PDB file of N, CA and C in Angstrom:
ATOM      1  N   UNK A   1     -16.254   2.067  -7.455  1.00  0.00           N
ATOM      2  CA  UNK A   1     -16.125   0.700  -7.919  1.00  0.00           C
ATOM      3  C   UNK A   1     -15.338  -0.102  -6.877  1.00  0.00           C
ATOM      4  N   UNK A   2     -15.855  -1.259  -6.549  1.00  0.00           N
ATOM      5  CA  UNK A   2     -15.200  -2.138  -5.591  1.00  0.00           C
ATOM      6  C   UNK A   2     -14.413  -3.213  -6.336  1.00  0.00           C
ATOM      7  N   UNK A   3     -13.173  -3.386  -5.930  1.00  0.00           N
ATOM      8  CA  UNK A   3     -12.318  -4.401  -6.546  1.00  0.00           C
ATOM      9  C   UNK A   3     -12.810  -5.785  -6.124  1.00  0.00           C
ATOM     10  N   UNK A   4     -12.961  -6.663  -7.088  1.00  0.00           N
ATOM     11  CA  UNK A   4     -13.386  -8.040  -6.827  1.00  0.00           C
ATOM     12  C   UNK A   4     -12.169  -8.949  -6.977  1.00  0.00           C
ATOM     13  N   UNK A   5     -11.626  -9.464  -5.862  1.00  0.00           N
ATOM     14  CA  UNK A   5     -10.423 -10.302  -5.932  1.00  0.00           C
ATOM     15  C   UNK A   5     -10.601 -11.579  -6.749  1.00  0.00           C
ATOM     16  N   UNK A   6     -11.853 -11.989  -6.972  1.00  0.00           N
ATOM     17  CA  UNK A   6     -12.071 -13.189  -7.784  1.00  0.00           C
ATOM     18  C   UNK A   6     -11.854 -12.905  -9.272  1.00  0.00           C
ATOM     19  N   UNK A   7     -11.736 -11.624  -9.634  1.00  0.00           N
ATOM     20  CA  UNK A   7     -11.483 -11.224 -11.022  1.00  0.00           C
ATOM     21  C   UNK A   7     -10.319 -10.243 -11.050  1.00  0.00           C
ATOM     22  N   UNK A   8      -9.072 -10.767 -10.959  1.00  0.00           N
ATOM     23  CA  UNK A   8      -7.902  -9.878 -10.896  1.00  0.00           C
ATOM     24  C   UNK A   8      -7.735  -8.964 -12.102  1.00  0.00           C
ATOM     25  N   UNK A   9      -8.448  -9.235 -13.190  1.00  0.00           N
ATOM     26  CA  UNK A   9      -8.304  -8.391 -14.379  1.00  0.00           C
ATOM     27  C   UNK A   9      -8.949  -7.018 -14.183  1.00  0.00           C
ATOM     28  N   UNK A  10      -9.736  -6.851 -13.108  1.00  0.00           N
ATOM     29  CA  UNK A  10     -10.400  -5.557 -12.906  1.00  0.00           C
ATOM     30  C   UNK A  10      -9.664  -4.688 -11.880  1.00  0.00           C
ATOM     31  N   UNK A  11      -8.336  -4.777 -11.849  1.00  0.00           N
ATOM     32  CA  UNK A  11      -7.523  -3.968 -10.951  1.00  0.00           C
ATOM     33  C   UNK A  11      -7.850  -2.492 -11.174  1.00  0.00           C
ATOM     34  N   UNK A  12      -8.173  -1.773 -10.095  1.00  0.00           N
ATOM     35  CA  UNK A  12      -8.493  -0.353 -10.265  1.00  0.00           C
ATOM     36  C   UNK A  12      -7.328   0.401 -10.918  1.00  0.00           C
ATOM     37  N   UNK A  13      -7.625   1.251 -11.904  1.00  0.00           N
ATOM     38  CA  UNK A  13      -6.562   2.017 -12.556  1.00  0.00           C
ATOM     39  C   UNK A  13      -5.736   2.835 -11.566  1.00  0.00           C
ATOM     40  N   UNK A  14      -6.363   3.336 -10.516  1.00  0.00           N
ATOM     41  CA  UNK A  14      -5.623   4.130  -9.524  1.00  0.00           C
ATOM     42  C   UNK A  14      -4.581   3.274  -8.815  1.00  0.00           C
ATOM     43  N   UNK A  15      -4.892   1.996  -8.591  1.00  0.00           N
ATOM     44  CA  UNK A  15      -3.908   1.127  -7.938  1.00  0.00           C
ATOM     45  C   UNK A  15      -2.781   0.771  -8.902  1.00  0.00           C
ATOM     46  N   UNK A  16      -3.119   0.567 -10.151  1.00  0.00           N
ATOM     47  CA  UNK A  16      -2.090   0.284 -11.163  1.00  0.00           C
ATOM     48  C   UNK A  16      -1.126   1.468 -11.274  1.00  0.00           C
ATOM     49  N   UNK A  17      -1.654   2.707 -11.212  1.00  0.00           N
ATOM     50  CA  UNK A  17      -0.793   3.902 -11.261  1.00  0.00           C
ATOM     51  C   UNK A  17       0.093   3.979 -10.018  1.00  0.00           C
ATOM     52  N   UNK A  18      -0.460   3.616  -8.877  1.00  0.00           N
ATOM     53  CA  UNK A  18       0.291   3.617  -7.628  1.00  0.00           C
ATOM     54  C   UNK A  18       1.495   2.677  -7.722  1.00  0.00           C
ATOM     55  N   UNK A  19       1.278   1.489  -8.240  1.00  0.00           N
ATOM     56  CA  UNK A  19       2.363   0.513  -8.394  1.00  0.00           C
ATOM     57  C   UNK A  19       3.428   1.042  -9.364  1.00  0.00           C
ATOM     58  N   UNK A  20       2.989   1.621 -10.464  1.00  0.00           N
ATOM     59  CA  UNK A  20       3.935   2.175 -11.438  1.00  0.00           C
ATOM     60  C   UNK A  20       4.764   3.296 -10.815  1.00  0.00           C
ATOM     61  N   UNK A  21       4.119   4.142 -10.012  1.00  0.00           N
ATOM     62  CA  UNK A  21       4.827   5.236  -9.345  1.00  0.00           C
ATOM     63  C   UNK A  21       5.880   4.687  -8.384  1.00  0.00           C
ATOM     64  N   UNK A  22       5.535   3.653  -7.644  1.00  0.00           N
ATOM     65  CA  UNK A  22       6.485   3.064  -6.700  1.00  0.00           C
ATOM     66  C   UNK A  22       7.689   2.469  -7.413  1.00  0.00           C
ATOM     67  N   UNK A  23       7.459   1.847  -8.551  1.00  0.00           N
ATOM     68  CA  UNK A  23       8.572   1.296  -9.330  1.00  0.00           C
ATOM     69  C   UNK A  23       9.501   2.409  -9.807  1.00  0.00           C
ATOM     70  N   UNK A  24       8.924   3.536 -10.240  1.00  0.00           N
ATOM     71  CA  UNK A  24       9.735   4.667 -10.676  1.00  0.00           C
ATOM     72  C   UNK A  24      10.563   5.212  -9.518  1.00  0.00           C
ATOM     73  N   UNK A  25       9.934   5.335  -8.350  1.00  0.00           N
ATOM     74  CA  UNK A  25      10.655   5.836  -7.179  1.00  0.00           C
ATOM     75  C   UNK A  25      11.791   4.903  -6.784  1.00  0.00           C
ATOM     76  N   UNK A  26      11.550   3.606  -6.854  1.00  0.00           N
ATOM     77  CA  UNK A  26      12.595   2.636  -6.518  1.00  0.00           C
ATOM     78  C   UNK A  26      13.791   2.798  -7.460  1.00  0.00           C
ATOM     79  N   UNK A  27      13.511   3.020  -8.737  1.00  0.00           N
ATOM     80  CA  UNK A  27      14.588   3.197  -9.705  1.00  0.00           C
ATOM     81  C   UNK A  27      15.404   4.459  -9.408  1.00  0.00           C
ATOM     82  N   UNK A  28      14.763   5.457  -8.759  1.00  0.00           N
ATOM     83  CA  UNK A  28      15.442   6.699  -8.405  1.00  0.00           C
ATOM     84  C   UNK A  28      16.057   6.648  -7.006  1.00  0.00           C
ATOM     85  N   UNK A  29      15.896   5.504  -6.321  1.00  0.00           N
ATOM     86  CA  UNK A  29      16.433   5.366  -4.972  1.00  0.00           C
ATOM     87  C   UNK A  29      15.640   6.122  -3.928  1.00  0.00           C
ATOM     88  N   UNK A  30      14.309   6.222  -4.136  1.00  0.00           N
ATOM     89  CA  UNK A  30      13.456   6.978  -3.225  1.00  0.00           C
ATOM     90  C   UNK A  30      12.371   6.084  -2.620  1.00  0.00           C
ATOM     91  N   UNK A  31      11.835   6.561  -1.515  1.00  0.00           N
ATOM     92  CA  UNK A  31      10.752   5.874  -0.818  1.00  0.00           C
ATOM     93  C   UNK A  31       9.528   6.794  -0.803  1.00  0.00           C
ATOM     94  N   UNK A  32       8.377   6.261  -0.361  1.00  0.00           N
ATOM     95  CA  UNK A  32       7.197   7.109  -0.233  1.00  0.00           C
ATOM     96  C   UNK A  32       6.176   6.484   0.712  1.00  0.00           C
ATOM     97  N   UNK A  33       5.253   7.319   1.137  1.00  0.00           N
ATOM     98  CA  UNK A  33       4.088   6.887   1.899  1.00  0.00           C
ATOM     99  C   UNK A  33       2.882   7.054   0.993  1.00  0.00           C
ATOM    100  N   UNK A  34       1.943   6.143   1.110  1.00  0.00           N
ATOM    101  CA  UNK A  34       0.757   6.199   0.277  1.00  0.00           C
ATOM    102  C   UNK A  34      -0.461   5.998   1.161  1.00  0.00           C
ATOM    103  N   UNK A  35      -1.425   6.897   1.046  1.00  0.00           N
ATOM    104  CA  UNK A  35      -2.727   6.698   1.674  1.00  0.00           C
ATOM    105  C   UNK A  35      -3.664   6.307   0.539  1.00  0.00           C
ATOM    106  N   UNK A  36      -4.303   5.159   0.676  1.00  0.00           N
ATOM    107  CA  UNK A  36      -5.127   4.645  -0.412  1.00  0.00           C
ATOM    108  C   UNK A  36      -6.492   4.246   0.115  1.00  0.00           C
ATOM    109  N   UNK A  37      -7.541   4.712  -0.552  1.00  0.00           N
ATOM    110  CA  UNK A  37      -8.912   4.344  -0.212  1.00  0.00           C
ATOM    111  C   UNK A  37      -9.188   2.978  -0.834  1.00  0.00           C
ATOM    112  N   UNK A  38      -9.068   1.961  -0.025  1.00  0.00           N
ATOM    113  CA  UNK A  38      -9.173   0.571  -0.478  1.00  0.00           C
ATOM    114  C   UNK A  38     -10.643   0.151  -0.482  1.00  0.00           C
ATOM    115  N   UNK A  39     -11.194  -0.071  -1.667  1.00  0.00           N
ATOM    116  CA  UNK A  39     -12.576  -0.511  -1.821  1.00  0.00           C
ATOM    117  C   UNK A  39     -12.543  -1.881  -2.486  1.00  0.00           C
ATOM    118  N   UNK A  40     -13.086  -2.886  -1.789  1.00  0.00           N
ATOM    119  CA  UNK A  40     -13.004  -4.247  -2.313  1.00  0.00           C
ATOM    120  C   UNK A  40     -14.166  -5.090  -1.794  1.00  0.00           C
ATOM    121  N   UNK A  41     -14.349  -6.234  -2.423  1.00  0.00           N
ATOM    122  CA  UNK A  41     -15.368  -7.185  -1.983  1.00  0.00           C
ATOM    123  C   UNK A  41     -14.703  -8.271  -1.155  1.00  0.00           C
ATOM    124  N   UNK A  42     -15.324  -8.602  -0.032  1.00  0.00           N
ATOM    125  CA  UNK A  42     -14.845  -9.680   0.829  1.00  0.00           C
ATOM    126  C   UNK A  42     -16.039 -10.576   1.120  1.00  0.00           C
ATOM    127  N   UNK A  43     -15.966 -11.805   0.652  1.00  0.00           N
ATOM    128  CA  UNK A  43     -17.099 -12.735   0.761  1.00  0.00           C
ATOM    129  C   UNK A  43     -18.374 -12.119   0.188  1.00  0.00           C
ATOM    130  N   UNK A  44     -18.209 -11.392  -0.918  1.00  0.00           N
ATOM    131  CA  UNK A  44     -19.349 -10.784  -1.603  1.00  0.00           C
ATOM    132  C   UNK A  44     -19.841  -9.490  -0.989  1.00  0.00           C
ATOM    133  N   UNK A  45     -19.273  -9.090   0.143  1.00  0.00           N
ATOM    134  CA  UNK A  45     -19.692  -7.866   0.831  1.00  0.00           C
ATOM    135  C   UNK A  45     -18.711  -6.727   0.542  1.00  0.00           C
ATOM    136  N   UNK A  46     -19.222  -5.533   0.232  1.00  0.00           N
ATOM    137  CA  UNK A  46     -18.315  -4.405  -0.011  1.00  0.00           C
ATOM    138  C   UNK A  46     -17.633  -3.953   1.278  1.00  0.00           C
ATOM    139  N   UNK A  47     -16.354  -3.689   1.178  1.00  0.00           N
ATOM    140  CA  UNK A  47     -15.548  -3.194   2.295  1.00  0.00           C
ATOM    141  C   UNK A  47     -14.819  -1.944   1.822  1.00  0.00           C
ATOM    142  N   UNK A  48     -14.636  -1.017   2.736  1.00  0.00           N
ATOM    143  CA  UNK A  48     -13.871   0.199   2.413  1.00  0.00           C
ATOM    144  C   UNK A  48     -13.002   0.543   3.609  1.00  0.00           C
ATOM    145  N   UNK A  49     -11.704   0.638   3.367  1.00  0.00           N
ATOM    146  CA  UNK A  49     -10.739   0.926   4.422  1.00  0.00           C
ATOM    147  C   UNK A  49      -9.676   1.880   3.900  1.00  0.00           C
ATOM    148  N   UNK A  50      -9.130   2.670   4.791  1.00  0.00           N
ATOM    149  CA  UNK A  50      -7.997   3.524   4.436  1.00  0.00           C
ATOM    150  C   UNK A  50      -6.733   2.720   4.711  1.00  0.00           C
ATOM    151  N   UNK A  51      -5.938   2.557   3.679  1.00  0.00           N
ATOM    152  CA  UNK A  51      -4.684   1.808   3.802  1.00  0.00           C
ATOM    153  C   UNK A  51      -3.521   2.792   3.748  1.00  0.00           C
ATOM    154  N   UNK A  52      -2.571   2.604   4.647  1.00  0.00           N
ATOM    155  CA  UNK A  52      -1.316   3.360   4.573  1.00  0.00           C
ATOM    156  C   UNK A  52      -0.242   2.372   4.144  1.00  0.00           C
ATOM    157  N   UNK A  53       0.292   2.625   2.980  1.00  0.00           N
ATOM    158  CA  UNK A  53       1.330   1.758   2.426  1.00  0.00           C
ATOM    159  C   UNK A  53       2.646   2.514   2.514  1.00  0.00           C
ATOM    160  N   UNK A  54       3.611   1.905   3.161  1.00  0.00           N
ATOM    161  CA  UNK A  54       4.934   2.501   3.221  1.00  0.00           C
ATOM    162  C   UNK A  54       5.813   1.728   2.235  1.00  0.00           C
ATOM    163  N   UNK A  55       6.312   2.442   1.259  1.00  0.00           N
ATOM    164  CA  UNK A  55       7.115   1.829   0.198  1.00  0.00           C
ATOM    165  C   UNK A  55       8.562   2.244   0.339  1.00  0.00           C
ATOM    166  N   UNK A  56       9.415   1.267   0.560  1.00  0.00           N
ATOM    167  CA  UNK A  56      10.860   1.496   0.619  1.00  0.00           C
ATOM    168  C   UNK A  56      11.529   0.262   0.040  1.00  0.00           C
ATOM    169  N   UNK A  57      12.041   0.396  -1.143  1.00  0.00           N
ATOM    170  CA  UNK A  57      12.711  -0.719  -1.807  1.00  0.00           C
ATOM    171  C   UNK A  57      13.860  -1.246  -0.956  1.00  0.00           C
ATOM    172  N   UNK A  58      14.112  -2.534  -1.038  1.00  0.00           N
ATOM    173  CA  UNK A  58      15.240  -3.130  -0.328  1.00  0.00           C
ATOM    174  C   UNK A  58      16.570  -2.501  -0.747  1.00  0.00           C
ATOM    175  N   UNK A  59      16.615  -1.910  -1.935  1.00  0.00           N
ATOM    176  CA  UNK A  59      17.837  -1.314  -2.469  1.00  0.00           C
ATOM    177  C   UNK A  59      18.063   0.122  -1.996  1.00  0.00           C
ATOM    178  N   UNK A  60      17.157   0.647  -1.183  1.00  0.00           N
ATOM    179  CA  UNK A  60      17.252   2.018  -0.709  1.00  0.00           C
ATOM    180  C   UNK A  60      18.480   2.200   0.189  1.00  0.00           C
ATOM    181  N   UNK A  61      19.144   3.329   0.072  1.00  0.00           N
ATOM    182  CA  UNK A  61      20.321   3.613   0.896  1.00  0.00           C
ATOM    183  C   UNK A  61      19.957   3.798   2.365  1.00  0.00           C
ATOM    184  N   UNK A  62      20.910   3.589   3.237  1.00  0.00           N
ATOM    185  CA  UNK A  62      20.667   3.642   4.682  1.00  0.00           C
ATOM    186  C   UNK A  62      20.203   5.020   5.140  1.00  0.00           C
ATOM    187  N   UNK A  63      20.767   6.095   4.597  1.00  0.00           N
ATOM    188  CA  UNK A  63      20.340   7.443   4.992  1.00  0.00           C
ATOM    189  C   UNK A  63      18.892   7.691   4.610  1.00  0.00           C
ATOM    190  N   UNK A  64      18.518   7.295   3.420  1.00  0.00           N
ATOM    191  CA  UNK A  64      17.134   7.461   2.963  1.00  0.00           C
ATOM    192  C   UNK A  64      16.185   6.646   3.846  1.00  0.00           C
ATOM    193  N   UNK A  65      16.578   5.432   4.210  1.00  0.00           N
ATOM    194  CA  UNK A  65      15.733   4.601   5.082  1.00  0.00           C
ATOM    195  C   UNK A  65      15.543   5.238   6.447  1.00  0.00           C
ATOM    196  N   UNK A  66      16.589   5.842   6.990  1.00  0.00           N
ATOM    197  CA  UNK A  66      16.496   6.475   8.311  1.00  0.00           C
ATOM    198  C   UNK A  66      15.565   7.688   8.277  1.00  0.00           C
ATOM    199  N   UNK A  67      15.695   8.510   7.273  1.00  0.00           N
ATOM    200  CA  UNK A  67      14.829   9.686   7.141  1.00  0.00           C
ATOM    201  C   UNK A  67      13.381   9.238   6.970  1.00  0.00           C
ATOM    202  N   UNK A  68      13.194   8.267   6.142  1.00  0.00           N
ATOM    203  CA  UNK A  68      11.870   7.733   5.832  1.00  0.00           C
ATOM    204  C   UNK A  68      11.212   7.155   7.071  1.00  0.00           C
ATOM    205  N   UNK A  69      11.916   6.334   7.819  1.00  0.00           N
ATOM    206  CA  UNK A  69      11.321   5.676   8.977  1.00  0.00           C
ATOM    207  C   UNK A  69      11.063   6.641  10.129  1.00  0.00           C
ATOM    208  N   UNK A  70      11.837   7.714  10.223  1.00  0.00           N
ATOM    209  CA  UNK A  70      11.663   8.649  11.334  1.00  0.00           C
ATOM    210  C   UNK A  70      10.363   9.440  11.243  1.00  0.00           C
ATOM    211  N   UNK A  71       9.805   9.596  10.077  1.00  0.00           N
ATOM    212  CA  UNK A  71       8.568  10.362   9.923  1.00  0.00           C
ATOM    213  C   UNK A  71       7.319   9.478   9.837  1.00  0.00           C
ATOM    214  N   UNK A  72       7.495   8.189   9.815  1.00  0.00           N
ATOM    215  CA  UNK A  72       6.377   7.264   9.622  1.00  0.00           C
ATOM    216  C   UNK A  72       5.312   7.386  10.715  1.00  0.00           C
ATOM    217  N   UNK A  73       5.717   7.393  11.970  1.00  0.00           N
ATOM    218  CA  UNK A  73       4.745   7.409  13.066  1.00  0.00           C
ATOM    219  C   UNK A  73       3.919   8.690  13.089  1.00  0.00           C
ATOM    220  N   UNK A  74       4.551   9.832  12.822  1.00  0.00           N
ATOM    221  CA  UNK A  74       3.812  11.097  12.802  1.00  0.00           C
ATOM    222  C   UNK A  74       2.748  11.088  11.715  1.00  0.00           C
ATOM    223  N   UNK A  75       3.091  10.575  10.570  1.00  0.00           N
ATOM    224  CA  UNK A  75       2.137  10.490   9.466  1.00  0.00           C
ATOM    225  C   UNK A  75       1.020   9.500   9.785  1.00  0.00           C
ATOM    226  N   UNK A  76       1.374   8.412  10.416  1.00  0.00           N
ATOM    227  CA  UNK A  76       0.383   7.393  10.793  1.00  0.00           C
ATOM    228  C   UNK A  76      -0.679   7.986  11.721  1.00  0.00           C
ATOM    229  N   UNK A  77      -0.264   8.832  12.646  1.00  0.00           N
ATOM    230  CA  UNK A  77      -1.211   9.475  13.566  1.00  0.00           C
ATOM    231  C   UNK A  77      -2.170  10.376  12.797  1.00  0.00           C
ATOM    232  N   UNK A  78      -1.665  11.100  11.813  1.00  0.00           N
ATOM    233  CA  UNK A  78      -2.503  12.019  11.029  1.00  0.00           C
ATOM    234  C   UNK A  78      -3.487  11.284  10.132  1.00  0.00           C
ATOM    235  N   UNK A  79      -3.046  10.199   9.512  1.00  0.00           N
ATOM    236  CA  UNK A  79      -3.892   9.469   8.564  1.00  0.00           C
ATOM    237  C   UNK A  79      -4.880   8.557   9.285  1.00  0.00           C
ATOM    238  N   UNK A  80      -4.459   7.955  10.397  1.00  0.00           N
ATOM    239  CA  UNK A  80      -5.258   6.985  11.159  1.00  0.00           C
ATOM    240  C   UNK A  80      -5.783   5.863  10.243  1.00  0.00           C
ATOM    241  N   UNK A  81      -4.873   5.138   9.613  1.00  0.00           N
ATOM    242  CA  UNK A  81      -5.299   4.084   8.684  1.00  0.00           C
ATOM    243  C   UNK A  81      -5.854   2.865   9.414  1.00  0.00           C
ATOM    244  N   UNK A  82      -6.753   2.172   8.757  1.00  0.00           N
ATOM    245  CA  UNK A  82      -7.245   0.909   9.315  1.00  0.00           C
ATOM    246  C   UNK A  82      -6.408  -0.257   8.823  1.00  0.00           C
ATOM    247  N   UNK A  83      -5.566  -0.014   7.822  1.00  0.00           N
ATOM    248  CA  UNK A  83      -4.683  -1.050   7.271  1.00  0.00           C
ATOM    249  C   UNK A  83      -3.283  -0.458   7.125  1.00  0.00           C
ATOM    250  N   UNK A  84      -2.288  -1.163   7.657  1.00  0.00           N
ATOM    251  CA  UNK A  84      -0.886  -0.752   7.528  1.00  0.00           C
ATOM    252  C   UNK A  84      -0.133  -1.804   6.731  1.00  0.00           C
ATOM    253  N   UNK A  85       0.549  -1.365   5.682  1.00  0.00           N
ATOM    254  CA  UNK A  85       1.320  -2.288   4.844  1.00  0.00           C
ATOM    255  C   UNK A  85       2.726  -1.727   4.668  1.00  0.00           C
ATOM    256  N   UNK A  86       3.720  -2.536   4.994  1.00  0.00           N
ATOM    257  CA  UNK A  86       5.113  -2.187   4.729  1.00  0.00           C
ATOM    258  C   UNK A  86       5.533  -2.959   3.485  1.00  0.00           C
ATOM    259  N   UNK A  87       5.794  -2.258   2.401  1.00  0.00           N
ATOM    260  CA  UNK A  87       6.164  -2.906   1.145  1.00  0.00           C
ATOM    261  C   UNK A  87       7.618  -2.588   0.814  1.00  0.00           C
ATOM    262  N   UNK A  88       8.409  -3.643   0.636  1.00  0.00           N
ATOM    263  CA  UNK A  88       9.818  -3.490   0.279  1.00  0.00           C
ATOM    264  C   UNK A  88      10.142  -4.064  -1.094  1.00  0.00           C
ATOM    265  N   UNK A  89       9.190  -4.780  -1.667  1.00  0.00           N
ATOM    266  CA  UNK A  89       9.373  -5.312  -3.026  1.00  0.00           C
ATOM    267  C   UNK A  89       8.013  -5.366  -3.715  1.00  0.00           C
ATOM    268  N   UNK A  90       8.022  -5.696  -4.990  1.00  0.00           N
ATOM    269  CA  UNK A  90       6.790  -5.669  -5.777  1.00  0.00           C
ATOM    270  C   UNK A  90       5.732  -6.660  -5.288  1.00  0.00           C
ATOM    271  N   UNK A  91       6.144  -7.802  -4.764  1.00  0.00           N
ATOM    272  CA  UNK A  91       5.169  -8.767  -4.252  1.00  0.00           C
ATOM    273  C   UNK A  91       4.388  -8.183  -3.080  1.00  0.00           C
ATOM    274  N   UNK A  92       5.083  -7.459  -2.209  1.00  0.00           N
ATOM    275  CA  UNK A  92       4.424  -6.859  -1.047  1.00  0.00           C
ATOM    276  C   UNK A  92       3.564  -5.662  -1.428  1.00  0.00           C
ATOM    277  N   UNK A  93       3.751  -5.156  -2.626  1.00  0.00           N
ATOM    278  CA  UNK A  93       2.961  -4.041  -3.129  1.00  0.00           C
ATOM    279  C   UNK A  93       1.717  -4.521  -3.882  1.00  0.00           C
ATOM    280  N   UNK A  94       1.636  -5.803  -4.155  1.00  0.00           N
ATOM    281  CA  UNK A  94       0.512  -6.331  -4.937  1.00  0.00           C
ATOM    282  C   UNK A  94      -0.805  -6.146  -4.192  1.00  0.00           C
ATOM    283  N   UNK A  95      -1.874  -5.979  -4.945  1.00  0.00           N
ATOM    284  CA  UNK A  95      -3.195  -5.810  -4.342  1.00  0.00           C
ATOM    285  C   UNK A  95      -3.588  -7.040  -3.533  1.00  0.00           C
ATOM    286  N   UNK A  96      -3.151  -8.204  -3.963  1.00  0.00           N
ATOM    287  CA  UNK A  96      -3.459  -9.437  -3.221  1.00  0.00           C
ATOM    288  C   UNK A  96      -2.836  -9.399  -1.829  1.00  0.00           C
ATOM    289  N   UNK A  97      -1.594  -8.950  -1.752  1.00  0.00           N
ATOM    290  CA  UNK A  97      -0.910  -8.852  -0.466  1.00  0.00           C
ATOM    291  C   UNK A  97      -1.592  -7.810   0.429  1.00  0.00           C
ATOM    292  N   UNK A  98      -1.922  -6.662  -0.138  1.00  0.00           N
ATOM    293  CA  UNK A  98      -2.573  -5.602   0.630  1.00  0.00           C
ATOM    294  C   UNK A  98      -3.921  -6.089   1.157  1.00  0.00           C
ATOM    295  N   UNK A  99      -4.675  -6.790   0.323  1.00  0.00           N
ATOM    296  CA  UNK A  99      -5.985  -7.297   0.768  1.00  0.00           C
ATOM    297  C   UNK A  99      -5.838  -8.386   1.840  1.00  0.00           C
ATOM    298  N   UNK A 100      -4.806  -9.212   1.743  1.00  0.00           N
ATOM    299  CA  UNK A 100      -4.618 -10.233   2.772  1.00  0.00           C
ATOM    300  C   UNK A 100      -4.358  -9.566   4.127  1.00  0.00           C
ATOM    301  N   UNK A 101      -3.637  -8.472   4.139  1.00  0.00           N
ATOM    302  CA  UNK A 101      -3.401  -7.725   5.376  1.00  0.00           C
ATOM    303  C   UNK A 101      -4.678  -7.019   5.827  1.00  0.00           C
ATOM    304  N   UNK A 102      -5.403  -6.440   4.895  1.00  0.00           N
ATOM    305  CA  UNK A 102      -6.647  -5.744   5.237  1.00  0.00           C
ATOM    306  C   UNK A 102      -7.643  -6.688   5.894  1.00  0.00           C
ATOM    307  N   UNK A 103      -7.707  -7.904   5.415  1.00  0.00           N
ATOM    308  CA  UNK A 103      -8.654  -8.857   5.971  1.00  0.00           C
ATOM    309  C   UNK A 103      -8.212  -9.389   7.338  1.00  0.00           C
ATOM    310  N   UNK A 104      -6.928  -9.318   7.636  1.00  0.00           N
ATOM    311  CA  UNK A 104      -6.423  -9.724   8.946  1.00  0.00           C
ATOM    312  C   UNK A 104      -6.533  -8.596   9.965  1.00  0.00           C
ATOM    313  N   UNK A 105      -6.412  -7.346   9.495  1.00  0.00           N
ATOM    314  CA  UNK A 105      -6.407  -6.196  10.380  1.00  0.00           C
ATOM    315  C   UNK A 105      -7.802  -5.579  10.473  1.00  0.00           C
ATOM    316  N   UNK A 106      -8.806  -6.412  10.697  1.00  0.00           N
ATOM    317  CA  UNK A 106     -10.172  -5.916  10.803  1.00  0.00           C
ATOM    318  C   UNK A 106     -10.267  -4.957  11.987  1.00  0.00           C
ATOM    319  N   UNK A 107     -11.007  -3.903  11.795  1.00  0.00           N
ATOM    320  CA  UNK A 107     -11.119  -2.868  12.816  1.00  0.00           C
ATOM    321  C   UNK A 107     -12.546  -2.603  13.137  1.00  0.00           C
TER     322      UNK A 107
END
């Protein structure tokens, strides 16, 4: 199923779970990397891209941020994403924000 940005009510359940997981991790003071198969419509045409979302809440401690950032590049090489998103708050985690980056980072 391809997400249609013109109908935000059809948010893929997998993306909704991803957002919920990130909120839980933020409450625990943790960060994570997410590889997501982004399927969406752009100007009526289906698009599919691998997105790497790095989630680190602004409230994360300095030690956790250092550990998290030190492994980012190695993981990026393994995943080879076509879309890179750094999310530090819920707005940056929104599907709208991710799609705006995906449409700018055409590959």
